[in-house]
Protein backbone atom coordinates (compact mmCIF):
# COMPACT_ATOMS: atom_id res chain seq x y z
CA MET A 1 -2.34 103.20 -86.62
CA SER A 2 -0.49 100.57 -88.65
CA LYS A 3 2.01 103.18 -89.88
CA LEU A 4 2.72 104.27 -86.31
CA ALA A 5 3.15 100.68 -85.21
CA THR A 6 5.50 99.98 -88.10
CA THR A 7 7.64 103.02 -87.26
CA TRP A 8 7.75 102.05 -83.59
CA GLY A 9 8.67 98.49 -84.49
CA ARG A 10 11.55 99.64 -86.67
CA ARG A 11 12.91 101.89 -83.95
CA TRP A 12 12.60 99.11 -81.41
CA GLY A 13 14.40 96.71 -83.72
CA VAL A 14 17.27 99.11 -84.43
CA SER A 15 17.70 99.84 -80.73
CA LEU A 16 17.71 96.14 -79.85
CA LEU A 17 20.22 95.39 -82.58
CA ALA A 18 22.51 98.18 -81.38
CA VAL A 19 22.34 96.93 -77.79
CA LEU A 20 23.21 93.38 -78.79
CA VAL A 21 26.06 94.46 -81.03
CA LEU A 22 27.51 96.63 -78.26
CA ALA A 23 27.13 93.79 -75.79
CA GLY A 24 29.04 91.48 -78.11
CA CYS A 25 31.81 94.04 -78.55
CA GLY A 26 31.74 95.25 -74.93
CA ARG A 27 34.54 97.22 -73.38
CA GLN A 28 35.78 97.20 -69.82
CA GLU A 29 37.54 99.94 -67.90
CA LEU A 30 41.11 99.13 -66.91
CA TYR A 31 42.04 102.09 -64.72
CA GLY A 32 40.48 105.41 -63.79
CA GLN A 33 41.48 108.63 -62.05
CA LEU A 34 44.53 109.02 -64.28
CA SER A 35 46.28 112.13 -65.51
CA GLU A 36 46.14 112.80 -69.24
CA ARG A 37 49.85 112.19 -69.65
CA GLN A 38 49.74 108.83 -67.89
CA ALA A 39 46.60 107.79 -69.77
CA ASN A 40 48.28 108.63 -73.10
CA GLU A 41 51.37 106.59 -72.16
CA MET A 42 49.27 103.59 -71.13
CA VAL A 43 47.15 103.72 -74.29
CA ALA A 44 50.25 103.98 -76.46
CA LEU A 45 51.81 100.97 -74.70
CA LEU A 46 48.70 98.82 -75.12
CA GLN A 47 48.16 99.79 -78.75
CA SER A 48 51.79 98.98 -79.58
CA ALA A 49 51.09 95.46 -78.24
CA GLY A 50 48.05 95.05 -80.48
CA ILE A 51 45.40 95.79 -77.82
CA ASP A 52 42.53 98.11 -78.72
CA ALA A 53 42.82 100.65 -75.88
CA ARG A 54 40.99 103.97 -75.63
CA LYS A 55 41.19 107.05 -73.42
CA GLU A 56 38.02 108.51 -71.95
CA ALA A 57 37.68 111.86 -70.20
CA ARG A 58 36.28 111.99 -66.69
CA GLU A 59 35.42 114.75 -64.23
CA ALA A 60 37.96 117.11 -62.63
CA GLY A 61 40.46 116.73 -65.46
CA GLN A 62 40.93 112.99 -64.91
CA PHE A 63 40.92 110.21 -67.49
CA ALA A 64 40.22 106.50 -67.73
CA ILE A 65 41.39 103.84 -70.17
CA SER A 66 39.42 100.86 -71.42
CA SER A 67 39.92 97.83 -73.66
CA GLN A 68 37.85 95.02 -75.07
CA GLN A 69 36.73 92.44 -72.54
CA GLU A 70 38.69 89.60 -74.13
CA HIS A 71 41.91 91.64 -73.78
CA PHE A 72 41.33 92.69 -70.16
CA GLY A 73 43.66 90.16 -68.52
CA ARG A 74 46.54 90.64 -70.96
CA ALA A 75 46.20 94.43 -70.77
CA ILE A 76 46.48 94.38 -66.96
CA GLU A 77 49.53 92.11 -67.10
CA LEU A 78 51.24 94.31 -69.68
CA LEU A 79 50.59 97.51 -67.73
CA HIS A 80 51.74 95.94 -64.46
CA ALA A 81 54.95 94.66 -66.07
CA ASN A 82 55.76 98.20 -67.21
CA GLY A 83 55.00 99.84 -63.85
CA TYR A 84 51.60 101.33 -64.67
CA PRO A 85 49.73 103.06 -63.26
CA ARG A 86 52.57 105.11 -61.83
CA GLY A 87 52.28 106.88 -58.51
CA ASN A 88 51.56 110.58 -58.46
CA PHE A 89 54.46 112.45 -56.92
CA ASP A 90 53.83 115.59 -54.88
CA ASN A 91 56.17 118.51 -55.34
CA VAL A 92 57.46 120.77 -52.59
CA GLY A 93 54.79 123.38 -53.22
CA GLN A 94 52.00 120.86 -52.79
CA VAL A 95 53.46 119.35 -49.64
CA PHE A 96 54.11 122.70 -47.98
CA LYS A 97 50.73 124.14 -48.88
CA LYS A 98 49.48 126.15 -45.94
CA GLU A 99 46.15 124.94 -44.63
CA GLY A 100 46.27 126.48 -41.14
CA PHE A 101 47.63 129.48 -39.30
CA VAL A 102 50.37 127.70 -37.34
CA SER A 103 52.35 124.53 -38.09
CA THR A 104 54.26 122.64 -35.45
CA PRO A 105 57.97 121.85 -35.94
CA VAL A 106 57.11 118.16 -36.17
CA GLU A 107 54.66 118.81 -39.02
CA GLU A 108 57.15 120.99 -40.87
CA ARG A 109 59.86 118.36 -40.55
CA ALA A 110 57.58 115.54 -41.70
CA ARG A 111 56.52 117.58 -44.71
CA LEU A 112 60.12 118.38 -45.56
CA MET A 113 61.19 114.72 -45.46
CA TYR A 114 58.19 113.66 -47.50
CA ALA A 115 58.78 116.39 -50.07
CA LEU A 116 62.45 115.46 -50.44
CA SER A 117 61.69 111.77 -50.90
CA GLN A 118 59.01 112.56 -53.49
CA GLU A 119 61.27 114.89 -55.47
CA LEU A 120 64.16 112.42 -55.46
CA ALA A 121 61.96 109.48 -56.46
CA ASN A 122 60.44 111.50 -59.29
CA THR A 123 63.93 112.37 -60.56
CA LEU A 124 65.17 108.78 -60.40
CA GLN A 125 62.09 107.50 -62.20
CA THR A 126 62.92 109.61 -65.25
CA ILE A 127 66.12 107.60 -65.84
CA ASP A 128 65.87 105.37 -68.89
CA GLY A 129 65.12 101.80 -67.89
CA VAL A 130 63.62 102.66 -64.49
CA ILE A 131 60.01 101.52 -64.02
CA VAL A 132 59.42 102.45 -60.37
CA ALA A 133 61.60 104.41 -57.95
CA ARG A 134 61.13 104.96 -54.21
CA VAL A 135 63.33 106.85 -51.78
CA HIS A 136 63.16 106.44 -47.99
CA LEU A 137 65.03 109.00 -45.88
CA ALA A 138 66.11 108.76 -42.26
CA VAL A 139 67.36 112.15 -41.09
CA PRO A 140 67.76 112.38 -37.29
CA GLU A 141 66.90 115.62 -35.53
CA LYS A 142 69.79 117.82 -34.55
CA ASP A 143 70.70 117.58 -30.87
CA PRO A 144 72.46 120.75 -29.66
CA LEU A 145 73.88 118.86 -26.65
CA ALA A 146 75.45 116.08 -28.71
CA ASP A 147 79.17 116.25 -29.47
CA LYS A 148 78.73 114.73 -32.91
CA PRO A 149 75.46 114.80 -34.91
CA ARG A 150 74.08 111.51 -36.03
CA PRO A 151 74.43 111.04 -39.78
CA ALA A 152 71.45 110.67 -42.07
CA SER A 153 70.80 107.64 -44.23
CA ALA A 154 68.73 106.78 -47.27
CA SER A 155 67.50 103.65 -49.04
CA VAL A 156 66.58 103.67 -52.72
CA PHE A 157 64.34 101.08 -54.35
CA ILE A 158 64.62 100.72 -58.12
CA LYS A 159 62.48 98.45 -60.29
CA TYR A 160 63.97 98.35 -63.78
CA ARG A 161 63.00 96.92 -67.13
CA PRO A 162 64.12 93.36 -67.88
CA GLY A 163 67.17 93.25 -70.08
CA ARG A 164 68.56 96.58 -68.84
CA ASP A 165 71.69 96.74 -66.68
CA LEU A 166 71.56 99.72 -64.31
CA THR A 167 74.49 98.60 -62.17
CA PRO A 168 76.93 101.10 -63.78
CA GLN A 169 74.54 103.94 -62.86
CA ILE A 170 74.29 103.13 -59.15
CA GLY A 171 77.01 105.66 -58.33
CA GLN A 172 75.15 108.42 -60.17
CA MET A 173 71.90 107.52 -58.40
CA LYS A 174 73.60 107.74 -55.03
CA ALA A 175 75.15 111.09 -55.98
CA LEU A 176 71.70 112.48 -56.84
CA VAL A 177 70.36 111.48 -53.42
CA VAL A 178 73.42 112.70 -51.52
CA ASN A 179 73.38 116.12 -53.17
CA GLY A 180 69.64 116.44 -52.51
CA VAL A 181 69.76 115.82 -48.75
CA GLU A 182 71.80 117.94 -46.37
CA GLY A 183 74.25 116.03 -44.17
CA LEU A 184 73.82 112.70 -45.97
CA PRO A 185 77.11 110.77 -46.39
CA TYR A 186 77.68 108.94 -49.64
CA GLU A 187 78.37 105.64 -47.87
CA ASN A 188 75.00 105.80 -46.05
CA VAL A 189 72.98 105.52 -49.25
CA THR A 190 71.82 102.06 -50.29
CA VAL A 191 70.49 101.40 -53.78
CA ALA A 192 68.61 98.14 -54.36
CA LEU A 193 67.86 97.06 -57.93
CA PHE A 194 65.03 94.67 -58.75
CA PRO A 195 64.13 93.46 -62.26
CA GLY A 196 60.56 93.90 -63.40
CA GLU A 197 58.31 91.22 -64.79
CA VAL A 198 58.72 90.18 -68.39
CA ALA A 199 55.93 91.70 -70.47
CA PRO A 200 53.56 89.11 -71.94
CA VAL A 201 54.09 88.36 -75.59
CA PRO A 202 51.16 89.54 -77.72
CA ARG A 203 49.15 86.55 -78.92
CA ALA A 204 48.49 86.65 -82.63
CA VAL A 205 44.89 86.16 -83.63
CA GLU A 206 44.62 82.93 -85.59
CA PRO A 207 42.52 82.84 -88.77
CA ALA A 208 40.34 80.12 -87.24
CA ASP A 209 39.50 82.36 -84.29
CA SER A 210 38.62 85.23 -86.61
CA LEU A 211 36.40 82.94 -88.70
CA LYS A 212 34.61 81.65 -85.60
CA THR A 213 34.06 85.18 -84.35
CA SER A 214 32.70 86.33 -87.71
CA LEU A 215 30.35 83.34 -87.97
CA ALA A 216 29.09 83.85 -84.43
CA LEU A 217 28.49 87.54 -85.08
CA ALA A 218 26.68 86.79 -88.34
CA ALA A 219 24.49 84.17 -86.66
CA GLY A 220 23.65 86.54 -83.83
CA THR A 221 22.78 89.32 -86.25
CA GLY A 222 20.56 86.99 -88.28
CA ALA A 223 18.71 85.87 -85.17
CA VAL A 224 18.14 89.48 -84.14
CA VAL A 225 16.80 90.37 -87.58
CA MET A 226 14.40 87.43 -87.50
CA LEU A 227 13.26 88.34 -84.01
CA VAL A 228 12.66 91.96 -84.98
CA GLY A 229 10.78 90.93 -88.11
CA ALA A 230 8.52 88.59 -86.16
CA GLY A 231 7.79 91.30 -83.60
CA VAL A 232 6.91 93.86 -86.25
CA TRP A 233 4.67 91.34 -88.08
CA MET A 234 2.79 90.46 -84.89
CA LEU A 235 2.40 94.11 -83.99
CA ARG A 236 1.04 95.00 -87.43
CA ARG A 237 -1.29 92.04 -87.30
CA ARG A 238 -2.72 93.25 -84.00
CA THR A 239 -3.15 96.84 -85.11
CA THR A 240 -4.44 96.19 -88.67
CA PRO A 241 -8.26 95.62 -88.75
CA THR A 242 -9.51 92.42 -90.34
CA SER A 243 -12.08 92.31 -93.15
CA ARG A 244 -14.79 91.29 -90.70
CA GLU A 245 -14.01 94.25 -88.45
CA VAL A 246 -14.12 96.57 -91.45
CA ALA A 247 -17.52 95.21 -92.48
CA LEU A 248 -18.91 95.80 -89.02
CA VAL A 249 -17.58 99.33 -88.87
CA GLU A 250 -18.58 100.51 -92.39
CA PRO A 251 -22.12 101.89 -92.63
CA ARG A 252 -24.57 99.91 -94.68
CA PRO A 253 -26.14 101.64 -97.76
């Protein structure tokens, strides 16, 4: 009985120690429902800034990223400053996926405009220095009775990295949008540039902070060991028969 109690006490102590250690080094999820490519980019960005970030697989081919709890705030700021998590752009095949037998002209037109804006925004976002790109199209319906069709227009929102000058590339951005939309005049395209937030500077861990953390961890570990030892001793004391109990149980000659 004492051997069983000792084994159980050891297992209980190891489990308790593991739980406390994990609680002290706890991790917190930053974002979920990410694609593998976006999760890899976010983890690489955080690790380059000195943040311990990890990628974790989820259901349906999705991923999540996590970091230590003390780095949660700085990790969110750094990701937000770099435009993460990025929006998922739908391609033309996804937008025009048939889900019914008949589609109305209004539905087909709405899908076409949405697909064009998504494709153009995805293309603009691949330009170096661009963090976020959005394209809004206004294409009037053709009126067969009108003498002159109303021209289309487009507005482009660009959020770029601080320190980058994208002004010389505005003409190329407008050309991409004009050539992607039928009947869109060059002068009806507006490109608005907005600088992104400055990424927070990684804070170096001071030796004093590391020493305090090590001392606190050592003190916590010592307390756990003492607690486990006391529990095992009390359990063995309860399960081990005393000399009086042995004398009562043993048969007399």
